[in-house]
Amino acid sequence: MLRKKECVAMLLAGGQGSRLYALTNNIAKPAVSFGAKYRIIDFPLSNCINSGIDTVGVLTQYQPLVLNEYVGNGQPWDLDRTFGGVHILSPYEAKTDTSWYKGTANAIYQNIRFMKMYDPEYVLILSGDHIYKMDYDKMLTAHKKSKADCTIACMEVSLQEASRFGILNTNPDGSIYEFEEKPANPKSNLASMGIYIFTASKLFKYLELDEADPNSEKDFGKNVLPAMLKAGEKMFSYKFEGYWKDVGTVSSLWEANMDLLGTVPKFDLTDDEGVIHSRSPLAPPAYIEGEVINSIVATGGEISGQVINSVIGTDCVIEEGAVVKDCVLMGNTVVKSGAILNYAIIDEEVVIEENAKIGGPREESSKLGGKTNGIVVLGRGITVRKNGTVTAGEIVEKDV
């Protein structure tokens, strides 16, 4: 008897993440650390299993080594299944037409055989660079109820921001009559979240049509969705009202980390609704004898200095006399005595030696704008020498 899955998820995780600069030099964007003990990919993977979806294809391409090792057999997310589970899907050599993934639609097209193995009725398409909790089963229920061919998750944004997104123009019943990719003059503020549920037969049909079109950019937002609308397919919006953040830039990644702080955080990772699982290392609670104010400190570290309004990853050491303020430290980082860190994102395995000065006060630095909105970025494995200085907004990829 042929077994099948009602819904298969396809997670696009191959992006370079060039706007994260030094943070993605050697790893794919979904493998970037977040919130002291997570990586970005933990969120869509956890959402899948929390929604009852246990078959996930993770499409990788750029710098996949850390991501592949992290996902492994999927055990932390309960995705180590004998039928289904999590599968890493990288571009591979075929008899004809071998190539890297050319766009979001082409990446999914190249893995049609994987999806068809499970004979699904529905396919869920996800992005690997968003921070949020979502029950995809509720969206699937809405998709079935409306008898849609495609349902697009969306949320309201300000009209000023709308031109950064794919925008849905809808009828009162939620059906979509127009999809505009990053319009200069948006007609609505309903922004696509890059989360789609397709009736599988329709998805396969339009991916094949798109692949055959030599003028297509092989992109869902620019090509596949407009083609479906033009052909008169039934397309509906699904409005999401929880927390959602695209962390594709340095400033948005910093902001999303800060949204975890405070007595009433904008995004609460500690509530029982939709637990986010991770492959976080086993370590004892952090040893804290310094001062920690409005901050998150992960396990395994030693905090003897002062930490203010910051997110501190696993196994970090902050020595006595050091000050860390408005920062994100991603793990295995050492901040030595007398060092002062302001408004920075520090990647893993960084050493900041005695009396080094990193960045400037947030109030002043954020006015600088630029690539990182004044936030300092230190790449993985860097050492900032004794008395070294890194000025506000600087992106550092080698020792200082």
Protein backbone atom coordinates (compact mmCIF):
# COMPACT_ATOMS: atom_id res chain seq x y z
CA MET A 1 0.00 0.00 0.00
CA LEU A 2 1.38 3.39 -1.06
CA ARG A 3 1.62 5.71 1.92
CA LYS A 4 1.12 9.43 1.43
CA LYS A 5 1.33 12.71 3.31
CA GLU A 6 -1.50 15.25 3.25
CA CYS A 7 0.94 18.19 3.28
CA VAL A 8 4.67 18.44 2.60
CA ALA A 9 6.67 21.57 3.55
CA MET A 10 9.48 22.98 1.38
CA LEU A 11 11.81 25.36 3.23
CA LEU A 12 13.90 27.73 1.10
CA ALA A 13 17.22 27.98 2.96
CA GLY A 14 19.76 28.57 0.21
CA GLY A 15 20.05 32.36 0.29
CA GLN A 16 23.39 34.11 0.65
CA GLY A 17 22.13 36.75 3.09
CA SER A 18 24.49 39.37 1.65
CA ARG A 19 22.91 42.20 3.70
CA LEU A 20 24.12 40.50 6.90
CA TYR A 21 27.68 41.07 5.63
CA ALA A 22 30.33 39.42 7.87
CA LEU A 23 27.71 37.28 9.66
CA THR A 24 27.11 35.19 6.53
CA ASN A 25 30.63 35.00 5.08
CA ASN A 26 30.91 31.32 5.92
CA ILE A 27 27.37 30.19 6.75
CA ALA A 28 23.93 30.29 5.17
CA LYS A 29 21.54 32.92 6.57
CA PRO A 30 19.16 30.37 8.21
CA ALA A 31 22.11 29.06 10.28
CA VAL A 32 22.82 32.48 11.85
CA SER A 33 22.40 32.48 15.64
CA PHE A 34 19.41 34.21 17.22
CA GLY A 35 18.03 34.87 20.69
CA ALA A 36 20.96 33.46 22.72
CA LYS A 37 20.35 29.77 22.04
CA TYR A 38 18.58 29.43 18.68
CA ARG A 39 19.35 29.64 14.97
CA ILE A 40 16.95 31.27 12.51
CA ILE A 41 15.97 27.93 10.95
CA ASP A 42 14.66 26.70 14.33
CA PHE A 43 11.53 28.82 13.83
CA PRO A 44 10.09 27.36 10.61
CA LEU A 45 11.18 23.81 11.59
CA SER A 46 9.48 24.12 15.00
CA ASN A 47 6.39 25.70 13.43
CA CYS A 48 6.12 22.68 11.10
CA ILE A 49 6.16 20.03 13.81
CA ASN A 50 3.91 22.16 16.07
CA SER A 51 1.44 22.30 13.16
CA GLY A 52 1.45 18.53 12.57
CA ILE A 53 3.61 18.70 9.42
CA ASP A 54 6.34 16.06 9.72
CA THR A 55 7.81 16.02 6.19
CA VAL A 56 10.11 18.95 5.40
CA GLY A 57 12.52 19.45 2.51
CA VAL A 58 15.24 22.01 3.36
CA LEU A 59 16.63 23.51 0.13
CA THR A 60 20.24 24.57 0.63
CA GLN A 61 22.80 26.08 -1.71
CA TYR A 62 25.03 28.85 -0.32
CA GLN A 63 27.62 27.78 2.34
CA PRO A 64 25.51 24.85 3.60
CA LEU A 65 28.07 23.13 5.87
CA VAL A 66 27.04 24.58 9.27
CA LEU A 67 23.34 24.39 8.34
CA ASN A 68 23.55 20.74 7.23
CA GLU A 69 25.36 19.73 10.41
CA TYR A 70 22.93 21.69 12.58
CA VAL A 71 19.78 20.19 11.05
CA GLY A 72 21.30 16.68 11.02
CA ASN A 73 18.65 13.99 11.29
CA GLY A 74 16.05 16.45 12.63
CA GLN A 75 15.86 14.88 16.09
CA PRO A 76 15.59 18.14 18.15
CA TRP A 77 12.44 19.06 16.20
CA ASP A 78 11.00 15.52 16.29
CA LEU A 79 11.64 15.27 12.54
CA ASP A 80 13.71 12.05 12.62
CA ARG A 81 11.02 9.92 10.95
CA THR A 82 11.27 6.65 9.02
CA PHE A 83 8.67 7.95 6.53
CA GLY A 84 8.94 11.69 6.04
CA GLY A 85 11.06 13.71 8.47
CA VAL A 86 13.55 16.37 7.43
CA HIS A 87 15.64 16.11 4.25
CA ILE A 88 18.46 18.39 3.08
CA LEU A 89 17.94 19.08 -0.65
CA SER A 90 20.92 20.62 -2.45
CA PRO A 91 21.30 21.10 -6.22
CA TYR A 92 22.49 17.87 -7.83
CA GLU A 93 23.76 16.65 -11.18
CA ALA A 94 21.18 15.17 -13.54
CA LYS A 95 21.51 13.82 -17.09
CA THR A 96 20.19 17.06 -18.53
CA ASP A 97 19.77 20.63 -17.36
CA THR A 98 22.02 20.54 -14.30
CA SER A 99 22.34 23.91 -12.60
CA TRP A 100 22.31 25.86 -9.37
CA TYR A 101 18.91 27.00 -8.16
CA LYS A 102 18.04 29.99 -10.35
CA GLY A 103 15.24 31.42 -8.19
CA THR A 104 12.66 30.41 -5.60
CA ALA A 105 10.37 28.74 -8.15
CA ASN A 106 13.22 26.92 -9.91
CA ALA A 107 14.53 25.62 -6.57
CA ILE A 108 11.13 24.04 -5.82
CA TYR A 109 10.80 22.83 -9.44
CA GLN A 110 14.13 20.99 -9.22
CA ASN A 111 12.70 19.03 -6.27
CA ILE A 112 9.34 18.02 -7.76
CA ARG A 113 10.38 14.35 -7.55
CA PHE A 114 10.98 14.70 -3.80
CA MET A 115 7.48 16.13 -3.28
CA LYS A 116 5.81 13.54 -5.52
CA MET A 117 7.41 10.72 -3.48
CA TYR A 118 4.86 11.55 -0.76
CA ASP A 119 1.92 12.11 -3.14
CA PRO A 120 0.74 15.17 -1.14
CA GLU A 121 -2.55 16.96 -1.60
CA TYR A 122 -0.97 20.23 -0.48
CA VAL A 123 2.49 21.80 -0.45
CA LEU A 124 3.57 24.47 2.04
CA ILE A 125 6.37 26.80 0.85
CA LEU A 126 8.40 28.57 3.57
CA SER A 127 11.37 30.95 3.81
CA GLY A 128 14.31 30.25 6.09
CA ASP A 129 14.97 33.81 7.25
CA HIS A 130 11.93 34.83 9.29
CA ILE A 131 11.37 34.92 13.06
CA TYR A 132 7.81 34.05 14.10
CA LYS A 133 5.49 31.42 15.60
CA MET A 134 2.64 30.26 13.38
CA ASP A 135 0.17 27.37 13.27
CA TYR A 136 0.27 26.35 9.60
CA ASP A 137 -2.60 23.91 10.23
CA LYS A 138 -4.99 26.85 10.72
CA MET A 139 -3.84 28.26 7.36
CA LEU A 140 -4.32 24.83 5.73
CA THR A 141 -7.84 24.62 7.16
CA ALA A 142 -8.62 28.06 5.65
CA HIS A 143 -7.13 26.90 2.31
CA LYS A 144 -9.43 23.85 2.25
CA LYS A 145 -12.49 25.84 3.34
CA SER A 146 -12.09 28.39 0.52
CA LYS A 147 -11.23 25.60 -2.00
CA ALA A 148 -8.29 27.76 -3.06
CA ASP A 149 -5.56 26.73 -5.49
CA CYS A 150 -3.11 28.91 -3.58
CA THR A 151 -3.31 30.66 -0.21
CA ILE A 152 -0.78 33.38 0.70
CA ALA A 153 -0.09 34.34 4.30
CA CYS A 154 -0.03 38.10 4.73
CA MET A 155 0.07 40.76 7.39
CA GLU A 156 -0.68 44.45 7.55
CA VAL A 157 2.32 46.80 7.31
CA SER A 158 2.48 50.58 7.13
CA LEU A 159 1.95 52.05 3.64
CA GLN A 160 5.43 53.57 3.90
CA GLU A 161 6.92 50.06 4.24
CA ALA A 162 4.64 48.39 1.70
CA SER A 163 6.91 48.95 -1.31
CA ARG A 164 9.49 46.59 0.28
CA PHE A 165 7.10 43.61 0.01
CA GLY A 166 4.95 41.67 -2.39
CA ILE A 167 1.52 43.30 -1.93
CA LEU A 168 -1.86 41.53 -2.13
CA ASN A 169 -4.86 43.44 -3.42
CA THR A 170 -7.96 41.57 -2.21
CA ASN A 171 -11.74 41.47 -2.44
CA PRO A 172 -13.88 41.66 0.75
CA ASP A 173 -13.99 37.83 0.95
CA GLY A 174 -10.17 37.65 1.05
CA SER A 175 -9.78 36.46 -2.53
CA ILE A 176 -6.82 38.02 -4.35
CA TYR A 177 -7.40 39.92 -7.59
CA GLU A 178 -3.87 41.32 -7.98
CA PHE A 179 -0.36 40.55 -6.72
CA GLU A 180 2.27 43.31 -7.03
CA GLU A 181 5.93 42.56 -6.28
CA LYS A 182 7.46 45.55 -4.43
CA PRO A 183 5.20 48.22 -6.04
CA ALA A 184 6.36 51.86 -6.07
CA ASN A 185 2.80 53.00 -5.32
CA PRO A 186 1.09 50.23 -3.32
CA LYS A 187 -2.72 50.08 -3.41
CA SER A 188 -2.97 48.17 -0.13
CA ASN A 189 -0.88 47.42 2.95
CA LEU A 190 -1.36 43.61 2.92
CA ALA A 191 2.21 42.28 2.62
CA SER A 192 3.02 38.74 1.57
CA MET A 193 5.03 36.87 4.23
CA GLY A 194 6.55 34.50 1.67
CA ILE A 195 4.46 31.63 3.10
CA TYR A 196 2.30 29.83 0.53
CA ILE A 197 0.04 26.79 0.57
CA PHE A 198 -0.64 25.30 -2.87
CA THR A 199 -2.92 22.52 -3.94
CA ALA A 200 -0.14 20.20 -5.11
CA SER A 201 -1.44 19.47 -8.62
CA LYS A 202 -1.70 23.21 -9.37
CA LEU A 203 1.78 23.91 -7.98
CA PHE A 204 3.36 21.21 -10.18
CA LYS A 205 1.49 22.48 -13.25
CA TYR A 206 2.60 26.10 -12.84
CA LEU A 207 6.18 25.22 -11.91
CA GLU A 208 6.46 23.23 -15.15
CA LEU A 209 4.94 26.09 -17.17
CA ASP A 210 7.31 28.56 -15.51
CA GLU A 211 10.34 26.36 -16.16
CA ALA A 212 9.42 26.19 -19.86
CA ASP A 213 9.24 30.01 -20.14
CA PRO A 214 12.67 31.33 -21.25
CA ASN A 215 11.76 34.88 -20.16
CA SER A 216 10.82 33.96 -16.59
CA GLU A 217 13.02 34.91 -13.63
CA LYS A 218 11.90 31.64 -11.97
CA ASP A 219 10.50 33.49 -8.96
CA PHE A 220 7.22 32.91 -7.11
CA GLY A 221 6.44 36.59 -6.51
CA LYS A 222 7.45 37.86 -9.95
CA ASN A 223 6.31 34.95 -12.13
CA VAL A 224 4.38 31.98 -10.70
CA LEU A 225 1.79 33.84 -8.59
CA PRO A 226 0.97 36.46 -11.29
CA ALA A 227 0.67 33.64 -13.88
CA MET A 228 -1.82 31.78 -11.68
CA LEU A 229 -3.88 34.96 -11.18
CA LYS A 230 -3.85 35.70 -14.90
CA ALA A 231 -5.09 32.17 -15.62
CA GLY A 232 -8.01 32.72 -13.23
CA GLU A 233 -6.91 30.30 -10.52
CA LYS A 234 -8.59 30.69 -7.12
CA MET A 235 -6.19 32.52 -4.80
CA PHE A 236 -6.89 33.65 -1.24
CA SER A 237 -5.12 35.67 1.43
CA TYR A 238 -4.66 34.39 4.99
CA LYS A 239 -4.18 37.20 7.49
CA PHE A 240 -1.62 36.58 10.25
CA GLU A 241 -1.69 38.80 13.34
CA GLY A 242 1.20 37.55 15.49
CA TYR A 243 4.83 38.61 15.66
CA TRP A 244 6.78 38.24 12.38
CA LYS A 245 10.15 39.67 11.42
CA ASP A 246 12.26 39.32 8.29
CA VAL A 247 15.81 39.29 9.68
CA GLY A 248 17.61 39.81 6.38
CA THR A 249 19.46 42.97 7.47
CA VAL A 250 21.81 43.77 10.35
CA SER A 251 19.42 46.29 11.90
CA SER A 252 16.37 43.96 11.63
CA LEU A 253 18.37 41.09 13.19
CA TRP A 254 19.43 43.38 16.06
CA GLU A 255 15.85 44.65 16.53
CA ALA A 256 14.40 41.12 16.58
CA ASN A 257 16.87 40.13 19.33
CA MET A 258 15.92 43.25 21.32
CA ASP A 259 12.22 42.35 20.90
CA LEU A 260 12.87 39.40 23.26
CA LEU A 261 13.80 41.71 26.15
CA GLY A 262 11.72 43.57 28.74
CA THR A 263 9.13 42.52 31.29
CA VAL A 264 6.57 42.28 28.46
CA PRO A 265 8.63 41.38 25.37
CA LYS A 266 7.25 42.04 21.89
CA PHE A 267 8.05 38.41 21.08
CA ASP A 268 7.84 35.95 23.97
CA LEU A 269 9.86 32.75 23.52
CA THR A 270 8.99 31.50 27.00
CA ASP A 271 5.25 31.04 26.55
CA ASP A 272 3.79 27.56 26.10
CA GLU A 273 2.19 28.30 22.76
CA GLY A 274 4.31 26.75 20.01
CA VAL A 275 7.58 25.84 21.73
CA ILE A 276 10.64 26.63 19.60
CA HIS A 277 13.05 23.69 19.62
CA SER A 278 16.78 23.97 18.95
CA ARG A 279 19.94 21.89 18.86
CA SER A 280 21.40 23.98 21.67
CA PRO A 281 24.43 22.48 23.41
CA LEU A 282 23.99 20.91 26.84
CA ALA A 283 25.59 23.20 29.40
CA PRO A 284 25.07 24.15 33.05
CA PRO A 285 23.33 27.45 33.90
CA ALA A 286 25.52 30.52 33.39
CA TYR A 287 27.57 31.59 36.42
CA ILE A 288 26.63 35.22 37.14
CA GLU A 289 28.38 37.33 39.72
CA GLY A 290 28.35 40.58 37.75
CA GLU A 291 25.42 42.90 37.00
CA VAL A 292 22.82 41.82 34.44
CA ILE A 293 20.08 44.35 33.56
CA ASN A 294 17.21 43.68 31.11
CA SER A 295 19.16 40.96 29.30
CA ILE A 296 19.03 37.32 28.28
CA VAL A 297 22.02 35.12 29.16
CA ALA A 298 22.19 31.58 27.75
CA THR A 299 23.69 28.58 29.52
CA GLY A 300 27.35 27.74 30.05
CA GLY A 301 28.83 31.22 30.37
CA GLU A 302 30.43 33.30 33.10
CA ILE A 303 29.29 36.88 33.64
CA SER A 304 31.52 38.89 35.99
CA GLY A 305 31.18 42.26 34.25
CA GLN A 306 28.16 44.46 33.47
CA VAL A 307 25.56 43.42 30.87
CA ILE A 308 22.80 45.91 29.97
CA ASN A 309 19.99 45.48 27.44
CA SER A 310 21.78 42.65 25.62
CA VAL A 311 21.35 39.08 24.37
CA ILE A 312 24.25 36.81 25.37
CA GLY A 313 24.69 33.42 23.68
CA THR A 314 25.89 30.08 25.00
CA ASP A 315 29.32 29.75 26.68
CA CYS A 316 30.17 33.47 26.64
CA VAL A 317 32.64 34.88 29.19
CA ILE A 318 32.41 38.54 30.23
CA GLU A 319 35.18 39.37 32.67
CA GLU A 320 35.06 41.73 35.65
CA GLY A 321 35.33 45.39 34.58
CA ALA A 322 33.95 44.73 31.09
CA VAL A 323 30.72 46.49 29.96
CA VAL A 324 28.36 45.10 27.29
CA LYS A 325 25.43 47.37 26.38
CA ASP A 326 22.81 47.13 23.59
CA CYS A 327 24.63 44.14 22.08
CA VAL A 328 23.99 40.70 20.66
CA LEU A 329 26.73 38.13 21.42
CA MET A 330 26.26 34.90 19.51
CA GLY A 331 28.14 32.33 21.57
CA ASN A 332 31.63 31.17 22.64
CA THR A 333 32.79 34.79 22.84
CA VAL A 334 35.22 36.17 25.43
CA VAL A 335 35.08 39.83 26.53
CA LYS A 336 38.10 40.61 28.68
CA SER A 337 38.46 43.04 31.58
CA GLY A 338 38.07 46.73 30.78
CA ALA A 339 36.59 46.16 27.30
CA ILE A 340 33.53 48.29 26.49
CA LEU A 341 31.01 47.12 23.90
CA ASN A 342 28.17 49.33 22.64
CA TYR A 343 25.50 48.69 19.98
CA ALA A 344 27.09 45.70 18.26
CA ILE A 345 26.43 42.21 16.91
CA ILE A 346 29.32 39.89 17.73
CA ASP A 347 29.46 36.56 15.89
CA GLU A 348 30.62 33.27 17.46
CA GLU A 349 34.11 32.49 18.78
CA VAL A 350 35.26 36.13 19.02
CA VAL A 351 37.87 37.32 21.52
CA ILE A 352 37.81 40.96 22.64
CA GLU A 353 40.93 41.67 24.65
CA GLU A 354 41.54 44.03 27.58
CA ASN A 355 40.40 47.66 27.30
CA ALA A 356 39.21 47.34 23.68
CA LYS A 357 36.45 49.75 22.63
CA ILE A 358 33.71 48.50 20.32
CA GLY A 359 31.09 50.88 18.85
CA GLY A 360 29.49 53.93 20.43
CA PRO A 361 26.32 54.75 22.38
CA ARG A 362 23.18 53.60 20.56
CA GLU A 363 21.47 57.02 20.65
CA GLU A 364 24.34 58.61 18.70
CA SER A 365 25.39 55.63 16.57
CA SER A 366 21.92 54.93 15.18
CA LYS A 367 21.88 58.42 13.64
CA LEU A 368 24.82 57.43 11.40
CA GLY A 369 22.60 55.28 9.15
CA GLY A 370 24.77 53.52 6.58
CA LYS A 371 24.76 49.77 5.83
CA THR A 372 24.13 48.74 9.43
CA ASN A 373 22.34 51.76 10.93
CA GLY A 374 25.44 52.41 13.09
CA ILE A 375 25.62 48.86 14.50
CA VAL A 376 29.12 47.32 14.70
CA VAL A 377 29.38 43.82 13.17
CA LEU A 378 32.28 41.53 14.12
CA GLY A 379 32.56 38.35 12.03
CA ARG A 380 33.17 34.83 13.29
CA GLY A 381 36.48 33.96 14.95
CA ILE A 382 37.89 37.51 15.08
CA THR A 383 40.25 38.81 17.77
CA VAL A 384 40.19 42.48 18.75
CA ARG A 385 43.59 43.11 20.35
CA LYS A 386 44.29 44.83 23.66
CA ASN A 387 43.33 48.55 23.50
CA GLY A 388 41.92 48.01 19.98
CA THR A 389 39.12 50.23 18.68
CA VAL A 390 36.23 49.52 16.34
CA THR A 391 34.18 52.60 15.47
CA ALA A 392 30.36 52.73 15.27
CA GLY A 393 28.88 51.16 12.13
CA GLU A 394 32.06 49.31 11.20
CA ILE A 395 31.86 45.80 9.68
CA VAL A 396 34.95 43.79 10.65
CA GLU A 397 35.94 40.55 8.91
CA LYS A 398 39.53 40.15 10.14
CA ASP A 399 41.52 40.72 13.34
CA VAL A 400 41.81 44.27 14.66
